[in-house]
Amino acid sequence: GSLRLSCAASGSIFSRSTMGWYRQAPGKQRE
């Protein structure tokens, strides 16, 4: 299946930053 995630940021942060997605499963490190 499919899902679409969205992240809303403040303009001051968004316009000056590299944006990314990370994930973390229980008991595992964030990747």
ModelCIF file with pLDDT and N, C-alpha, C, O atoms, coordinates in Angstrom:
data_MODEL
#
_entry.id   MODEL 
#
_entity.id                         1 
_entity.type                       polymer 
_entity.pdbx_number_of_molecules   1 
#
_entity_poly.entity_id                      1 
_entity_poly.type                           'polypeptide(L)' 
_entity_poly.nstd_linkage                   no 
_entity_poly.nstd_monomer                   no 
_entity_poly.pdbx_seq_one_letter_code       GSLRLSCAASGSIFSRSTMGWYRQAPGKQRE 
_entity_poly.pdbx_seq_one_letter_code_can   GSLRLSCAASGSIFSRSTMGWYRQAPGKQRE 
_entity_poly.pdbx_strand_id                 A 
#
loop_
_entity_poly_seq.entity_id 
_entity_poly_seq.num 
_entity_poly_seq.mon_id 
_entity_poly_seq.hetero 
1 1  GLY n 
1 2  SER n 
1 3  LEU n 
1 4  ARG n 
1 5  LEU n 
1 6  SER n 
1 7  CYS n 
1 8  ALA n 
1 9  ALA n 
1 10 SER n 
1 11 GLY n 
1 12 SER n 
1 13 ILE n 
1 14 PHE n 
1 15 SER n 
1 16 ARG n 
1 17 SER n 
1 18 THR n 
1 19 MET n 
1 20 GLY n 
1 21 TRP n 
1 22 TYR n 
1 23 ARG n 
1 24 GLN n 
1 25 ALA n 
1 26 PRO n 
1 27 GLY n 
1 28 LYS n 
1 29 GLN n 
1 30 ARG n 
1 31 GLU n 
#
_struct_asym.id          A 
_struct_asym.entity_id   1 
#
loop_
_ma_qa_metric.id 
_ma_qa_metric.mode 
_ma_qa_metric.name 
_ma_qa_metric.software_group_id 
_ma_qa_metric.type 
1 global pLDDT . pLDDT 
2 local  pLDDT . pLDDT 
#
_ma_qa_metric_global.metric_id      1 
_ma_qa_metric_global.metric_value   95.90 
_ma_qa_metric_global.model_id       1 
_ma_qa_metric_global.ordinal_id     1 
#
loop_
_ma_qa_metric_local.label_asym_id 
_ma_qa_metric_local.label_comp_id 
_ma_qa_metric_local.label_seq_id 
_ma_qa_metric_local.metric_id 
_ma_qa_metric_local.metric_value 
_ma_qa_metric_local.model_id 
_ma_qa_metric_local.ordinal_id 
A GLY 1  2 98.00 1 1  
A SER 2  2 98.00 1 2  
A LEU 3  2 98.00 1 3  
A ARG 4  2 98.00 1 4  
A LEU 5  2 98.00 1 5  
A SER 6  2 98.00 1 6  
A CYS 7  2 98.00 1 7  
A ALA 8  2 97.00 1 8  
A ALA 9  2 96.00 1 9  
A SER 10 2 93.00 1 10 
A GLY 11 2 91.00 1 11 
A SER 12 2 91.00 1 12 
A ILE 13 2 93.00 1 13 
A PHE 14 2 95.00 1 14 
A SER 15 2 94.00 1 15 
A ARG 16 2 93.00 1 16 
A SER 17 2 95.00 1 17 
A THR 18 2 97.00 1 18 
A MET 19 2 97.00 1 19 
A GLY 20 2 98.00 1 20 
A TRP 21 2 98.00 1 21 
A TYR 22 2 98.00 1 22 
A ARG 23 2 98.00 1 23 
A GLN 24 2 98.00 1 24 
A ALA 25 2 96.00 1 25 
A PRO 26 2 91.00 1 26 
A GLY 27 2 92.00 1 27 
A LYS 28 2 95.00 1 28 
A GLN 29 2 97.00 1 29 
A ARG 30 2 97.00 1 30 
A GLU 31 2 97.00 1 31 
#
loop_
_atom_site.group_PDB 
_atom_site.id 
_atom_site.type_symbol 
_atom_site.label_atom_id 
_atom_site.label_alt_id 
_atom_site.label_comp_id 
_atom_site.label_asym_id 
_atom_site.label_entity_id 
_atom_site.label_seq_id 
_atom_site.pdbx_PDB_ins_code 
_atom_site.Cartn_x 
_atom_site.Cartn_y 
_atom_site.Cartn_z 
_atom_site.occupancy 
_atom_site.B_iso_or_equiv 
_atom_site.pdbx_formal_charge 
_atom_site.auth_seq_id 
_atom_site.auth_comp_id 
_atom_site.auth_asym_id 
_atom_site.auth_atom_id 
_atom_site.pdbx_PDB_model_num 
ATOM 1   N N  . GLY A 1 1  ? 0.799  -1.204 0.000  1.00 98.00 ? 1  GLY A N  1 
ATOM 2   C CA . GLY A 1 1  ? 0.000  0.000  0.000  1.00 98.00 ? 1  GLY A CA 1 
ATOM 3   C C  . GLY A 1 1  ? 0.838  1.262  0.000  1.00 98.00 ? 1  GLY A C  1 
ATOM 4   O O  . GLY A 1 1  ? 2.067  1.211  -0.057 1.00 98.00 ? 1  GLY A O  1 
ATOM 5   N N  . SER A 1 2  ? 0.150  2.404  0.066  1.00 98.00 ? 2  SER A N  1 
ATOM 6   C CA . SER A 1 2  ? 0.817  3.700  0.006  1.00 98.00 ? 2  SER A CA 1 
ATOM 7   C C  . SER A 1 2  ? 0.337  4.619  1.106  1.00 98.00 ? 2  SER A C  1 
ATOM 8   O O  . SER A 1 2  ? -0.798 4.512  1.571  1.00 98.00 ? 2  SER A O  1 
ATOM 9   N N  . LEU A 1 3  ? 1.206  5.520  1.516  1.00 98.00 ? 3  LEU A N  1 
ATOM 10  C CA . LEU A 1 3  ? 0.888  6.582  2.448  1.00 98.00 ? 3  LEU A CA 1 
ATOM 11  C C  . LEU A 1 3  ? 1.658  7.826  2.046  1.00 98.00 ? 3  LEU A C  1 
ATOM 12  O O  . LEU A 1 3  ? 2.728  7.741  1.444  1.00 98.00 ? 3  LEU A O  1 
ATOM 13  N N  . ARG A 1 4  ? 1.110  8.971  2.380  1.00 98.00 ? 4  ARG A N  1 
ATOM 14  C CA . ARG A 1 4  ? 1.790  10.227 2.142  1.00 98.00 ? 4  ARG A CA 1 
ATOM 15  C C  . ARG A 1 4  ? 1.889  10.988 3.451  1.00 98.00 ? 4  ARG A C  1 
ATOM 16  O O  . ARG A 1 4  ? 0.876  11.361 4.042  1.00 98.00 ? 4  ARG A O  1 
ATOM 17  N N  . LEU A 1 5  ? 3.111  11.215 3.899  1.00 98.00 ? 5  LEU A N  1 
ATOM 18  C CA . LEU A 1 5  ? 3.356  11.970 5.112  1.00 98.00 ? 5  LEU A CA 1 
ATOM 19  C C  . LEU A 1 5  ? 3.607  13.426 4.769  1.00 98.00 ? 5  LEU A C  1 
ATOM 20  O O  . LEU A 1 5  ? 4.122  13.744 3.696  1.00 98.00 ? 5  LEU A O  1 
ATOM 21  N N  . SER A 1 6  ? 3.242  14.302 5.681  1.00 98.00 ? 6  SER A N  1 
ATOM 22  C CA . SER A 1 6  ? 3.477  15.717 5.490  1.00 98.00 ? 6  SER A CA 1 
ATOM 23  C C  . SER A 1 6  ? 4.032  16.323 6.768  1.00 98.00 ? 6  SER A C  1 
ATOM 24  O O  . SER A 1 6  ? 3.664  15.917 7.870  1.00 98.00 ? 6  SER A O  1 
ATOM 25  N N  . CYS A 1 7  ? 4.910  17.287 6.613  1.00 98.00 ? 7  CYS A N  1 
ATOM 26  C CA . CYS A 1 7  ? 5.512  17.982 7.743  1.00 98.00 ? 7  CYS A CA 1 
ATOM 27  C C  . CYS A 1 7  ? 5.390  19.473 7.520  1.00 98.00 ? 7  CYS A C  1 
ATOM 28  O O  . CYS A 1 7  ? 5.868  20.005 6.518  1.00 98.00 ? 7  CYS A O  1 
ATOM 29  N N  . ALA A 1 8  ? 4.750  20.143 8.459  1.00 97.00 ? 8  ALA A N  1 
ATOM 30  C CA . ALA A 1 8  ? 4.595  21.589 8.386  1.00 97.00 ? 8  ALA A CA 1 
ATOM 31  C C  . ALA A 1 8  ? 5.641  22.259 9.259  1.00 97.00 ? 8  ALA A C  1 
ATOM 32  O O  . ALA A 1 8  ? 5.801  21.906 10.428 1.00 97.00 ? 8  ALA A O  1 
ATOM 33  N N  . ALA A 1 9  ? 6.347  23.216 8.698  1.00 96.00 ? 9  ALA A N  1 
ATOM 34  C CA . ALA A 1 9  ? 7.401  23.924 9.406  1.00 96.00 ? 9  ALA A CA 1 
ATOM 35  C C  . ALA A 1 9  ? 7.137  25.420 9.396  1.00 96.00 ? 9  ALA A C  1 
ATOM 36  O O  . ALA A 1 9  ? 6.371  25.918 8.571  1.00 96.00 ? 9  ALA A O  1 
ATOM 37  N N  . SER A 1 10 ? 7.764  26.125 10.305 1.00 93.00 ? 10 SER A N  1 
ATOM 38  C CA . SER A 1 10 ? 7.701  27.573 10.270 1.00 93.00 ? 10 SER A CA 1 
ATOM 39  C C  . SER A 1 10 ? 8.503  28.064 9.076  1.00 93.00 ? 10 SER A C  1 
ATOM 40  O O  . SER A 1 10 ? 9.465  27.419 8.657  1.00 93.00 ? 10 SER A O  1 
ATOM 41  N N  . GLY A 1 11 ? 8.107  29.199 8.533  1.00 91.00 ? 11 GLY A N  1 
ATOM 42  C CA . GLY A 1 11 ? 8.783  29.717 7.354  1.00 91.00 ? 11 GLY A CA 1 
ATOM 43  C C  . GLY A 1 11 ? 10.246 30.015 7.587  1.00 91.00 ? 11 GLY A C  1 
ATOM 44  O O  . GLY A 1 11 ? 11.075 29.774 6.709  1.00 91.00 ? 11 GLY A O  1 
ATOM 45  N N  . SER A 1 12 ? 10.577 30.531 8.752  1.00 91.00 ? 12 SER A N  1 
ATOM 46  C CA . SER A 1 12 ? 11.955 30.889 9.040  1.00 91.00 ? 12 SER A CA 1 
ATOM 47  C C  . SER A 1 12 ? 12.865 29.664 9.076  1.00 91.00 ? 12 SER A C  1 
ATOM 48  O O  . SER A 1 12 ? 14.036 29.747 8.707  1.00 91.00 ? 12 SER A O  1 
ATOM 49  N N  . ILE A 1 13 ? 12.336 28.546 9.514  1.00 93.00 ? 13 ILE A N  1 
ATOM 50  C CA . ILE A 1 13 ? 13.109 27.309 9.547  1.00 93.00 ? 13 ILE A CA 1 
ATOM 51  C C  . ILE A 1 13 ? 13.161 26.677 8.162  1.00 93.00 ? 13 ILE A C  1 
ATOM 52  O O  . ILE A 1 13 ? 14.232 26.303 7.683  1.00 93.00 ? 13 ILE A O  1 
ATOM 53  N N  . PHE A 1 14 ? 12.011 26.559 7.526  1.00 95.00 ? 14 PHE A N  1 
ATOM 54  C CA . PHE A 1 14 ? 11.915 25.886 6.238  1.00 95.00 ? 14 PHE A CA 1 
ATOM 55  C C  . PHE A 1 14 ? 12.796 26.537 5.175  1.00 95.00 ? 14 PHE A C  1 
ATOM 56  O O  . PHE A 1 14 ? 13.453 25.842 4.400  1.00 95.00 ? 14 PHE A O  1 
ATOM 57  N N  . SER A 1 15 ? 12.811 27.844 5.140  1.00 94.00 ? 15 SER A N  1 
ATOM 58  C CA . SER A 1 15 ? 13.527 28.567 4.099  1.00 94.00 ? 15 SER A CA 1 
ATOM 59  C C  . SER A 1 15 ? 15.039 28.540 4.267  1.00 94.00 ? 15 SER A C  1 
ATOM 60  O O  . SER A 1 15 ? 15.767 28.955 3.365  1.00 94.00 ? 15 SER A O  1 
ATOM 61  N N  . ARG A 1 16 ? 15.514 28.070 5.383  1.00 93.00 ? 16 ARG A N  1 
ATOM 62  C CA . ARG A 1 16 ? 16.945 28.078 5.669  1.00 93.00 ? 16 ARG A CA 1 
ATOM 63  C C  . ARG A 1 16 ? 17.517 26.688 5.931  1.00 93.00 ? 16 ARG A C  1 
ATOM 64  O O  . ARG A 1 16 ? 18.686 26.557 6.292  1.00 93.00 ? 16 ARG A O  1 
ATOM 65  N N  . SER A 1 17 ? 16.708 25.660 5.752  1.00 95.00 ? 17 SER A N  1 
ATOM 66  C CA . SER A 1 17 ? 17.119 24.336 6.200  1.00 95.00 ? 17 SER A CA 1 
ATOM 67  C C  . SER A 1 17 ? 16.981 23.250 5.140  1.00 95.00 ? 17 SER A C  1 
ATOM 68  O O  . SER A 1 17 ? 16.121 23.304 4.261  1.00 95.00 ? 17 SER A O  1 
ATOM 69  N N  . THR A 1 18 ? 17.856 22.274 5.260  1.00 97.00 ? 18 THR A N  1 
ATOM 70  C CA . THR A 1 18 ? 17.640 21.007 4.586  1.00 97.00 ? 18 THR A CA 1 
ATOM 71  C C  . THR A 1 18 ? 16.566 20.257 5.373  1.00 97.00 ? 18 THR A C  1 
ATOM 72  O O  . THR A 1 18 ? 16.656 20.139 6.595  1.00 97.00 ? 18 THR A O  1 
ATOM 73  N N  . MET A 1 19 ? 15.563 19.758 4.678  1.00 97.00 ? 19 MET A N  1 
ATOM 74  C CA . MET A 1 19 ? 14.483 19.032 5.327  1.00 97.00 ? 19 MET A CA 1 
ATOM 75  C C  . MET A 1 19 ? 14.686 17.539 5.124  1.00 97.00 ? 19 MET A C  1 
ATOM 76  O O  . MET A 1 19 ? 15.208 17.102 4.098  1.00 97.00 ? 19 MET A O  1 
ATOM 77  N N  . GLY A 1 20 ? 14.268 16.771 6.111  1.00 98.00 ? 20 GLY A N  1 
ATOM 78  C CA . GLY A 1 20 ? 14.448 15.338 6.001  1.00 98.00 ? 20 GLY A CA 1 
ATOM 79  C C  . GLY A 1 20 ? 13.433 14.550 6.795  1.00 98.00 ? 20 GLY A C  1 
ATOM 80  O O  . GLY A 1 20 ? 12.721 15.076 7.650  1.00 98.00 ? 20 GLY A O  1 
ATOM 81  N N  . TRP A 1 21 ? 13.393 13.276 6.480  1.00 98.00 ? 21 TRP A N  1 
ATOM 82  C CA . TRP A 1 21 ? 12.567 12.329 7.214  1.00 98.00 ? 21 TRP A CA 1 
ATOM 83  C C  . TRP A 1 21 ? 13.455 11.241 7.793  1.00 98.00 ? 21 TRP A C  1 
ATOM 84  O O  . TRP A 1 21 ? 14.321 10.699 7.107  1.00 98.00 ? 21 TRP A O  1 
ATOM 85  N N  . TYR A 1 22 ? 13.233 10.933 9.048  1.00 98.00 ? 22 TYR A N  1 
ATOM 86  C CA . TYR A 1 22 ? 13.906 9.853  9.739  1.00 98.00 ? 22 TYR A CA 1 
ATOM 87  C C  . TYR A 1 22 ? 12.851 8.915  10.290 1.00 98.00 ? 22 TYR A C  1 
ATOM 88  O O  . TYR A 1 22 ? 11.676 9.272  10.381 1.00 98.00 ? 22 TYR A O  1 
ATOM 89  N N  . ARG A 1 23 ? 13.270 7.721  10.656 1.00 98.00 ? 23 ARG A N  1 
ATOM 90  C CA . ARG A 1 23 ? 12.329 6.792  11.259 1.00 98.00 ? 23 ARG A CA 1 
ATOM 91  C C  . ARG A 1 23 ? 13.023 5.972  12.335 1.00 98.00 ? 23 ARG A C  1 
ATOM 92  O O  . ARG A 1 23 ? 14.238 5.776  12.310 1.00 98.00 ? 23 ARG A O  1 
ATOM 93  N N  . GLN A 1 24 ? 12.222 5.501  13.277 1.00 98.00 ? 24 GLN A N  1 
ATOM 94  C CA . GLN A 1 24 ? 12.749 4.704  14.368 1.00 98.00 ? 24 GLN A CA 1 
ATOM 95  C C  . GLN A 1 24 ? 11.749 3.626  14.751 1.00 98.00 ? 24 GLN A C  1 
ATOM 96  O O  . GLN A 1 24 ? 10.605 3.915  15.104 1.00 98.00 ? 24 GLN A O  1 
ATOM 97  N N  . ALA A 1 25 ? 12.195 2.391  14.677 1.00 96.00 ? 25 ALA A N  1 
ATOM 98  C CA . ALA A 1 25 ? 11.394 1.259  15.109 1.00 96.00 ? 25 ALA A CA 1 
ATOM 99  C C  . ALA A 1 25 ? 11.711 0.965  16.571 1.00 96.00 ? 25 ALA A C  1 
ATOM 100 O O  . ALA A 1 25 ? 12.795 1.309  17.043 1.00 96.00 ? 25 ALA A O  1 
ATOM 101 N N  . PRO A 1 26 ? 10.783 0.332  17.303 1.00 91.00 ? 26 PRO A N  1 
ATOM 102 C CA . PRO A 1 26 ? 11.028 0.031  18.714 1.00 91.00 ? 26 PRO A CA 1 
ATOM 103 C C  . PRO A 1 26 ? 12.311 -0.762 18.917 1.00 91.00 ? 26 PRO A C  1 
ATOM 104 O O  . PRO A 1 26 ? 12.539 -1.766 18.242 1.00 91.00 ? 26 PRO A O  1 
ATOM 105 N N  . GLY A 1 27 ? 13.145 -0.312 19.843 1.00 92.00 ? 27 GLY A N  1 
ATOM 106 C CA . GLY A 1 27 ? 14.380 -1.000 20.148 1.00 92.00 ? 27 GLY A CA 1 
ATOM 107 C C  . GLY A 1 27 ? 15.503 -0.775 19.161 1.00 92.00 ? 27 GLY A C  1 
ATOM 108 O O  . GLY A 1 27 ? 16.577 -1.358 19.310 1.00 92.00 ? 27 GLY A O  1 
ATOM 109 N N  . LYS A 1 28 ? 15.286 0.053  18.162 1.00 95.00 ? 28 LYS A N  1 
ATOM 110 C CA . LYS A 1 28 ? 16.304 0.308  17.155 1.00 95.00 ? 28 LYS A CA 1 
ATOM 111 C C  . LYS A 1 28 ? 16.681 1.784  17.121 1.00 95.00 ? 28 LYS A C  1 
ATOM 112 O O  . LYS A 1 28 ? 15.953 2.638  17.626 1.00 95.00 ? 28 LYS A O  1 
ATOM 113 N N  . GLN A 1 29 ? 17.826 2.065  16.519 1.00 97.00 ? 29 GLN A N  1 
ATOM 114 C CA . GLN A 1 29 ? 18.288 3.439  16.394 1.00 97.00 ? 29 GLN A CA 1 
ATOM 115 C C  . GLN A 1 29 ? 17.524 4.172  15.299 1.00 97.00 ? 29 GLN A C  1 
ATOM 116 O O  . GLN A 1 29 ? 17.034 3.564  14.347 1.00 97.00 ? 29 GLN A O  1 
ATOM 117 N N  . ARG A 1 30 ? 17.435 5.475  15.451 1.00 97.00 ? 30 ARG A N  1 
ATOM 118 C CA . ARG A 1 30 ? 16.812 6.296  14.434 1.00 97.00 ? 30 ARG A CA 1 
ATOM 119 C C  . ARG A 1 30 ? 17.678 6.295  13.183 1.00 97.00 ? 30 ARG A C  1 
ATOM 120 O O  . ARG A 1 30 ? 18.900 6.415  13.273 1.00 97.00 ? 30 ARG A O  1 
ATOM 121 N N  . GLU A 1 31 ? 17.053 6.161  12.016 1.00 97.00 ? 31 GLU A N  1 
ATOM 122 C CA . GLU A 1 31 ? 17.787 6.121  10.768 1.00 97.00 ? 31 GLU A CA 1 
ATOM 123 C C  . GLU A 1 31 ? 17.237 7.136  9.779  1.00 97.00 ? 31 GLU A C  1 
ATOM 124 O O  . GLU A 1 31 ? 17.740 7.243  8.661  1.00 97.00 ? 31 GLU A O  1 
#
